[in-house]
Amino acid sequence: MLWLGGLITFATIVLWVYAFFDAMTTPKQEIRNLPKILWMVVIVLFPAVGAVLWMLLGRPYGPMAAQGDGPAQSDLGRSADDLDPSDFARPSDPSRPLGPDDDPEFLRNINRRIDPDE
């Protein structure tokens, strides 16, 4: 039973450290429900409860897209049900090989390495 208490203590410390550093490194404009400094105070004063509250109520919803890679302004109000799978299909670029095994020059180079006499 002692190992169970140690395991719970260890898990609580790991969760607290993760939540603290996650809150510290999250940009303030992405944090939900409370200001960043208040989240830091809640996490420090109430380690287990504050960390869980941060995970559920304070963290951003998902990874933010890099500038220029995000959805168009008109797509911001759309839900996943409104999206069409063809929105995500990119046309393939036939001028560029997909992988090394599709590149004829790479294959010739491999053949020369395997059998240099040919």
Protein backbone atom coordinates (compact mmCIF):
# COMPACT_ATOMS: atom_id res chain seq x y z
CA MET A 1 0.00 0.00 0.00
CA LEU A 2 2.94 2.27 0.53
CA TRP A 3 3.85 2.03 -3.16
CA LEU A 4 0.33 3.17 -4.10
CA GLY A 5 0.71 6.31 -2.01
CA GLY A 6 4.10 6.95 -3.58
CA LEU A 7 2.69 6.45 -7.05
CA ILE A 8 -0.16 8.87 -6.41
CA THR A 9 2.26 11.43 -4.95
CA PHE A 10 4.58 11.06 -7.95
CA ALA A 11 1.69 11.42 -10.41
CA THR A 12 0.47 14.54 -8.59
CA ILE A 13 3.92 16.12 -8.70
CA VAL A 14 4.34 15.33 -12.41
CA LEU A 15 0.89 16.77 -13.19
CA TRP A 16 1.63 19.88 -11.14
CA VAL A 17 5.00 20.49 -12.81
CA TYR A 18 3.51 19.94 -16.27
CA ALA A 19 0.58 22.28 -15.59
CA PHE A 20 2.85 24.94 -14.10
CA PHE A 21 5.25 25.02 -17.04
CA ASP A 22 2.43 24.68 -19.57
CA ALA A 23 0.68 27.70 -18.05
CA MET A 24 3.94 29.62 -17.89
CA THR A 25 4.80 29.04 -21.56
CA THR A 26 1.31 29.51 -23.01
CA PRO A 27 0.83 32.96 -24.57
CA LYS A 28 -1.59 35.04 -22.52
CA GLN A 29 -3.95 35.68 -25.46
CA GLU A 30 -4.56 31.91 -25.83
CA ILE A 31 -5.45 31.21 -22.18
CA ARG A 32 -9.14 30.71 -21.41
CA ASN A 33 -11.36 31.85 -18.53
CA LEU A 34 -8.81 33.61 -16.25
CA PRO A 35 -5.79 35.86 -16.74
CA LYS A 36 -2.44 34.09 -16.93
CA ILE A 37 -1.15 35.37 -13.58
CA LEU A 38 -4.30 34.16 -11.83
CA TRP A 39 -3.89 30.68 -13.36
CA MET A 40 -0.31 30.60 -12.08
CA VAL A 41 -1.48 31.51 -8.58
CA VAL A 42 -4.22 28.85 -8.63
CA ILE A 43 -1.78 26.18 -9.80
CA VAL A 44 0.80 27.10 -7.13
CA LEU A 45 -1.64 27.43 -4.21
CA PHE A 46 -3.76 24.36 -5.01
CA PRO A 47 -1.32 21.93 -6.69
CA ALA A 48 -3.56 18.96 -7.57
CA VAL A 49 -6.85 20.83 -8.00
CA GLY A 50 -5.23 23.81 -9.72
CA ALA A 51 -3.43 21.56 -12.21
CA VAL A 52 -6.63 19.70 -13.07
CA LEU A 53 -8.55 22.97 -13.41
CA TRP A 54 -5.83 24.33 -15.70
CA MET A 55 -6.06 21.23 -17.89
CA LEU A 56 -9.86 21.42 -18.13
CA LEU A 57 -10.58 25.14 -18.12
CA GLY A 58 -7.44 27.14 -18.85
CA ARG A 59 -5.49 25.48 -21.62
CA PRO A 60 -6.06 26.51 -25.24
CA TYR A 61 -8.37 24.19 -27.15
CA GLY A 62 -5.72 22.90 -29.53
CA PRO A 63 -2.44 23.75 -31.15
CA MET A 64 -2.59 27.16 -32.74
CA ALA A 65 -1.86 27.27 -36.46
CA ALA A 66 1.22 29.10 -37.65
CA GLN A 67 0.56 32.48 -39.19
CA GLY A 68 -0.62 32.08 -42.74
CA ASP A 69 -1.48 28.40 -42.26
CA GLY A 70 -4.74 28.93 -40.39
CA PRO A 71 -8.26 28.82 -41.76
CA ALA A 72 -9.63 31.68 -43.76
CA GLN A 73 -11.59 34.29 -41.85
CA SER A 74 -14.85 32.94 -43.27
CA ASP A 75 -14.03 29.41 -42.02
CA LEU A 76 -13.70 30.40 -38.35
CA GLY A 77 -17.38 29.86 -37.55
CA ARG A 78 -17.62 26.49 -39.28
CA SER A 79 -17.87 23.24 -37.38
CA ALA A 80 -16.34 19.91 -38.37
CA ASP A 81 -19.73 18.79 -39.70
CA ASP A 82 -19.69 21.59 -42.28
CA LEU A 83 -16.35 20.57 -43.75
CA ASP A 84 -15.98 18.55 -46.91
CA PRO A 85 -13.14 15.97 -47.11
CA SER A 86 -12.14 17.46 -50.46
CA ASP A 87 -11.21 20.66 -48.59
CA PHE A 88 -8.14 18.85 -47.31
CA ALA A 89 -7.06 17.14 -50.54
CA ARG A 90 -3.98 18.70 -52.05
CA PRO A 91 -3.15 18.20 -55.69
CA SER A 92 -0.07 16.07 -56.10
CA ASP A 93 3.04 17.54 -57.63
CA PRO A 94 4.17 15.08 -60.34
CA SER A 95 7.45 16.94 -60.90
CA ARG A 96 8.74 15.98 -57.46
CA PRO A 97 9.15 12.35 -56.24
CA LEU A 98 7.17 11.38 -53.14
CA GLY A 99 9.93 9.30 -51.61
CA PRO A 100 13.43 8.02 -52.33
CA ASP A 101 12.11 4.88 -53.99
CA ASP A 102 10.16 7.04 -56.49
CA ASP A 103 13.27 8.97 -57.54
CA PRO A 104 14.95 7.32 -60.55
CA GLU A 105 18.28 9.02 -59.85
CA PHE A 106 18.30 7.68 -56.30
CA LEU A 107 17.56 4.16 -57.56
CA ARG A 108 20.39 4.38 -60.13
CA ASN A 109 22.76 5.52 -57.39
CA ILE A 110 21.75 2.58 -55.19
CA ASN A 111 22.28 0.15 -58.08
CA ARG A 112 25.77 1.63 -58.66
CA ARG A 113 26.59 1.17 -54.95
CA ILE A 114 25.41 -2.44 -54.94
CA ASP A 115 27.12 -3.45 -58.17
CA PRO A 116 29.82 -0.94 -59.18
CA ASP A 117 30.90 -3.10 -62.17
CA GLU A 118 27.72 -2.48 -64.17
